[in-house]
Amino acid sequence: MSWQSWYEVEVKHYETPESFIVTLVNDRKKPKKSPPEIPLTSFEVGIVCAVKGEEIQRGKITATSETECDVLLVDSGEVSTILKSDLIQLPPEFLSNPFQSVHCRMLGIRPKYKMPIWPPLQRVKVQEIIRRYKEPLRMFVVEKNEKICELSRVGMNSYNVLLMDPLGREYLDDVAVKEHIEEAPVVKPEIEEQFDSGHASEDFETDSDQA
């Protein structure tokens, strides 16, 4: 993902305006084959693995218990609890393609009254603004987010972003200000109206390849 670039995205896993996961709409990639089902033997947090199924699902372990693991499915953006017996080793060739989901922090959004954390009600209100749009959102990547979060601890890149409605009429942080959910946003950088997209590797194919 390039800085100072536009993308079309879907928000998949939302915790707060400062911690959510998106997937890119353009050039979505699918596995051409499934890896051999070799059982996973190490279940440490941060391990990259695959989940059993008809198609490969690449994942990173974010938490572990005696029989299960919480796994971030790095291509779909979902976080699921998976039985350890359903986790298998991921061959190196399946790591050549970048993860298709990324962690984001929404710029321009601040809790009211300079609170250090987001109150539950405000957190949900911002989520409701995001969910009201049925089409993919437009997202501008400002810079890499250097703030440590749980997902960055397992090696996932994180970016500071601005979200805009699908038609490019309003920034979502401005919508939140109008609806009295948060305090006035920061000044936005100069932004060029230009979109970008990723590229597939040899082990993954894009939707257009199957057309």
Protein backbone atom coordinates (compact mmCIF):
# COMPACT_ATOMS: atom_id res chain seq x y z
CA MET A 1 0.00 0.00 0.00
CA SER A 2 1.43 3.37 -1.05
CA TRP A 3 1.38 6.52 1.02
CA GLN A 4 -0.43 9.58 -0.35
CA SER A 5 -2.67 7.32 -2.48
CA TRP A 6 -6.38 6.60 -2.81
CA TYR A 7 -7.97 3.14 -2.53
CA GLU A 8 -11.46 1.68 -2.52
CA VAL A 9 -11.94 -0.38 0.64
CA GLU A 10 -14.40 -2.27 2.80
CA VAL A 11 -14.14 -2.05 6.59
CA LYS A 12 -14.11 -5.62 7.91
CA HIS A 13 -13.10 -5.70 11.58
CA TYR A 14 -13.85 -2.58 13.62
CA GLU A 15 -12.80 -1.98 17.22
CA THR A 16 -12.45 1.81 17.49
CA PRO A 17 -11.76 4.68 15.05
CA GLU A 18 -8.10 4.14 15.94
CA SER A 19 -8.14 0.39 15.26
CA PHE A 20 -9.93 -1.27 12.35
CA ILE A 21 -9.11 -3.51 9.41
CA VAL A 22 -9.94 -2.92 5.75
CA THR A 23 -9.62 -4.95 2.58
CA LEU A 24 -8.89 -3.49 -0.83
CA VAL A 25 -11.67 -3.79 -3.41
CA ASN A 26 -9.50 -3.59 -6.54
CA ASP A 27 -7.46 -6.60 -7.66
CA ARG A 28 -8.79 -8.99 -5.08
CA LYS A 29 -6.70 -12.14 -5.21
CA LYS A 30 -7.72 -15.75 -4.74
CA PRO A 31 -5.51 -18.79 -4.20
CA LYS A 32 -4.86 -20.96 -7.26
CA LYS A 33 -4.28 -24.04 -5.13
CA SER A 34 -4.42 -25.26 -1.54
CA PRO A 35 -1.30 -26.18 0.43
CA PRO A 36 -0.72 -29.72 1.73
CA GLU A 37 -2.43 -30.27 5.09
CA ILE A 38 0.59 -30.51 7.38
CA PRO A 39 -0.55 -29.89 10.99
CA LEU A 40 0.73 -26.77 12.68
CA THR A 41 3.02 -27.58 15.61
CA SER A 42 3.73 -24.10 17.04
CA PHE A 43 0.87 -21.89 18.20
CA GLU A 44 2.72 -18.79 19.40
CA VAL A 45 1.20 -15.35 18.87
CA GLY A 46 2.39 -13.95 15.54
CA ILE A 47 2.74 -17.31 13.78
CA VAL A 48 1.57 -17.22 10.15
CA CYS A 49 -0.47 -20.28 9.20
CA ALA A 50 -3.36 -21.49 7.10
CA VAL A 51 -6.88 -22.59 8.01
CA LYS A 52 -8.32 -25.81 6.62
CA GLY A 53 -11.03 -25.42 3.99
CA GLU A 54 -11.88 -25.63 0.29
CA GLU A 55 -9.67 -22.59 -0.32
CA ILE A 56 -6.60 -21.44 1.56
CA GLN A 57 -7.15 -18.83 4.24
CA ARG A 58 -3.91 -17.28 5.41
CA GLY A 59 -3.89 -16.19 9.02
CA LYS A 60 -1.88 -14.83 11.91
CA ILE A 61 -2.39 -16.07 15.44
CA THR A 62 -3.33 -13.19 17.76
CA ALA A 63 -4.17 -15.18 20.91
CA THR A 64 -4.04 -18.80 22.01
CA SER A 65 -5.70 -21.09 24.55
CA GLU A 66 -5.47 -24.81 25.29
CA THR A 67 -7.49 -25.98 22.27
CA GLU A 68 -8.16 -22.85 20.16
CA CYS A 69 -6.49 -19.81 18.66
CA ASP A 70 -7.80 -16.39 17.73
CA VAL A 71 -6.69 -15.94 14.13
CA LEU A 72 -6.64 -12.79 12.02
CA LEU A 73 -7.51 -13.93 8.49
CA VAL A 74 -5.10 -11.59 6.76
CA ASP A 75 -6.80 -11.63 3.35
CA SER A 76 -10.46 -11.29 4.41
CA GLY A 77 -9.88 -9.00 7.39
CA GLU A 78 -11.95 -11.18 9.72
CA VAL A 79 -10.89 -12.31 13.19
CA SER A 80 -12.06 -15.84 14.08
CA THR A 81 -11.59 -18.41 16.82
CA ILE A 82 -10.22 -21.60 15.22
CA LEU A 83 -9.55 -25.04 16.66
CA LYS A 84 -5.84 -25.80 16.77
CA SER A 85 -6.56 -29.01 14.85
CA ASP A 86 -7.83 -26.91 11.91
CA LEU A 87 -4.60 -24.92 11.59
CA ILE A 88 -1.97 -26.11 9.10
CA GLN A 89 1.48 -25.03 8.02
CA LEU A 90 1.75 -22.41 5.27
CA PRO A 91 4.39 -23.08 2.58
CA PRO A 92 6.81 -20.18 1.89
CA GLU A 93 5.44 -19.65 -1.63
CA PHE A 94 2.11 -18.59 -0.14
CA LEU A 95 3.80 -15.72 1.68
CA SER A 96 5.11 -13.98 -1.45
CA ASN A 97 1.88 -12.01 -1.90
CA PRO A 98 1.22 -9.10 0.49
CA PHE A 99 -1.64 -9.48 2.94
CA GLN A 100 -4.88 -8.24 1.39
CA SER A 101 -6.07 -6.58 4.57
CA VAL A 102 -4.43 -3.77 6.52
CA HIS A 103 -4.83 -2.18 9.92
CA CYS A 104 -5.88 1.48 9.92
CA ARG A 105 -6.22 4.45 12.23
CA MET A 106 -8.75 7.09 11.21
CA LEU A 107 -7.30 10.60 11.24
CA GLY A 108 -9.43 13.60 12.17
CA ILE A 109 -11.35 11.60 14.77
CA ARG A 110 -10.87 12.52 18.43
CA PRO A 111 -13.00 11.68 21.48
CA LYS A 112 -14.86 14.59 23.05
CA TYR A 113 -13.33 16.43 25.98
CA LYS A 114 -9.83 15.18 25.11
CA MET A 115 -10.50 11.76 26.61
CA PRO A 116 -7.54 9.35 26.26
CA ILE A 117 -9.73 6.44 25.10
CA TRP A 118 -12.90 6.21 23.07
CA PRO A 119 -16.09 5.93 25.19
CA PRO A 120 -18.27 2.97 24.10
CA LEU A 121 -21.17 5.10 22.83
CA GLN A 122 -18.98 7.34 20.66
CA ARG A 123 -17.11 4.30 19.36
CA VAL A 124 -20.39 2.71 18.23
CA LYS A 125 -21.66 5.96 16.69
CA VAL A 126 -18.60 6.18 14.45
CA GLN A 127 -19.11 2.54 13.48
CA GLU A 128 -22.72 3.34 12.53
CA ILE A 129 -21.51 6.12 10.21
CA ILE A 130 -19.16 3.67 8.48
CA ARG A 131 -21.87 1.02 8.15
CA ARG A 132 -24.50 3.28 6.62
CA TYR A 133 -22.71 3.19 3.26
CA LYS A 134 -23.46 0.06 1.21
CA GLU A 135 -20.79 0.71 -1.42
CA PRO A 136 -17.02 0.56 -0.79
CA LEU A 137 -15.56 3.62 0.90
CA ARG A 138 -12.78 5.76 -0.51
CA MET A 139 -9.66 5.81 1.64
CA PHE A 140 -6.64 8.10 1.46
CA VAL A 141 -3.45 6.74 3.04
CA VAL A 142 -1.62 9.62 4.72
CA GLU A 143 1.32 7.81 6.31
CA LYS A 144 2.39 4.74 8.21
CA ASN A 145 1.03 4.60 11.74
CA GLU A 146 3.88 4.26 14.22
CA LYS A 147 1.56 3.85 17.22
CA ILE A 148 1.84 0.39 18.76
CA CYS A 149 -1.36 -1.67 18.66
CA GLU A 150 -2.20 -5.31 19.24
CA LEU A 151 -2.16 -6.10 15.52
CA SER A 152 1.14 -4.33 14.91
CA ARG A 153 2.60 -6.59 17.59
CA VAL A 154 1.91 -9.58 15.35
CA GLY A 155 3.63 -7.91 12.40
CA MET A 156 0.67 -6.30 10.64
CA ASN A 157 1.33 -2.93 8.97
CA SER A 158 -0.81 -0.04 10.17
CA TYR A 159 -1.65 3.22 8.37
CA ASN A 160 -3.11 6.62 9.24
CA VAL A 161 -5.99 7.19 6.84
CA LEU A 162 -8.85 9.48 5.90
CA LEU A 163 -12.17 7.88 4.99
CA MET A 164 -14.59 9.40 2.48
CA ASP A 165 -18.07 8.36 1.37
CA PRO A 166 -18.32 6.36 -1.92
CA LEU A 167 -19.29 9.39 -4.02
CA GLY A 168 -16.45 11.54 -2.71
CA ARG A 169 -18.75 14.16 -1.20
CA GLU A 170 -17.83 14.07 2.49
CA TYR A 171 -15.07 12.90 4.78
CA LEU A 172 -16.46 10.64 7.48
CA ASP A 173 -14.69 12.58 10.24
CA ASP A 174 -16.53 15.71 9.05
CA VAL A 175 -19.80 13.74 9.21
CA ALA A 176 -19.00 12.77 12.80
CA VAL A 177 -18.41 16.44 13.70
CA LYS A 178 -21.75 17.47 12.17
CA GLU A 179 -23.50 14.77 14.18
CA HIS A 180 -21.75 15.91 17.40
CA ILE A 181 -20.00 12.59 17.94
CA GLU A 182 -16.46 13.95 18.20
CA GLU A 183 -14.49 17.17 18.38
CA ALA A 184 -13.38 19.23 15.37
CA PRO A 185 -11.02 17.29 13.07
CA VAL A 186 -7.44 18.16 12.33
CA VAL A 187 -6.53 20.05 9.14
CA LYS A 188 -6.36 17.63 6.21
CA PRO A 189 -3.31 17.46 3.94
CA GLU A 190 -3.42 18.37 0.27
CA ILE A 191 -4.92 15.35 -1.47
CA GLU A 192 -4.83 14.40 -5.14
CA GLU A 193 -7.87 12.63 -6.59
CA GLN A 194 -6.05 9.53 -7.80
CA PHE A 195 -6.64 5.82 -7.18
CA ASP A 196 -4.10 3.01 -6.82
CA SER A 197 -4.29 -0.81 -6.77
CA GLY A 198 -2.13 -3.78 -5.87
CA HIS A 199 -0.64 -6.61 -7.91
CA ALA A 200 -1.03 -10.39 -7.71
CA SER A 201 1.79 -12.86 -7.27
CA GLU A 202 2.13 -16.20 -9.04
CA ASP A 203 0.37 -18.11 -6.25
CA PHE A 204 -2.71 -15.86 -6.27
CA GLU A 205 -4.99 -14.82 -9.12
CA THR A 206 -7.16 -11.73 -9.40
CA ASP A 207 -10.89 -11.76 -10.02
CA SER A 208 -10.19 -10.47 -13.56
CA ASP A 209 -8.03 -13.54 -14.29
CA GLN A 210 -11.09 -15.75 -13.87
CA ALA A 211 -13.36 -13.67 -16.12
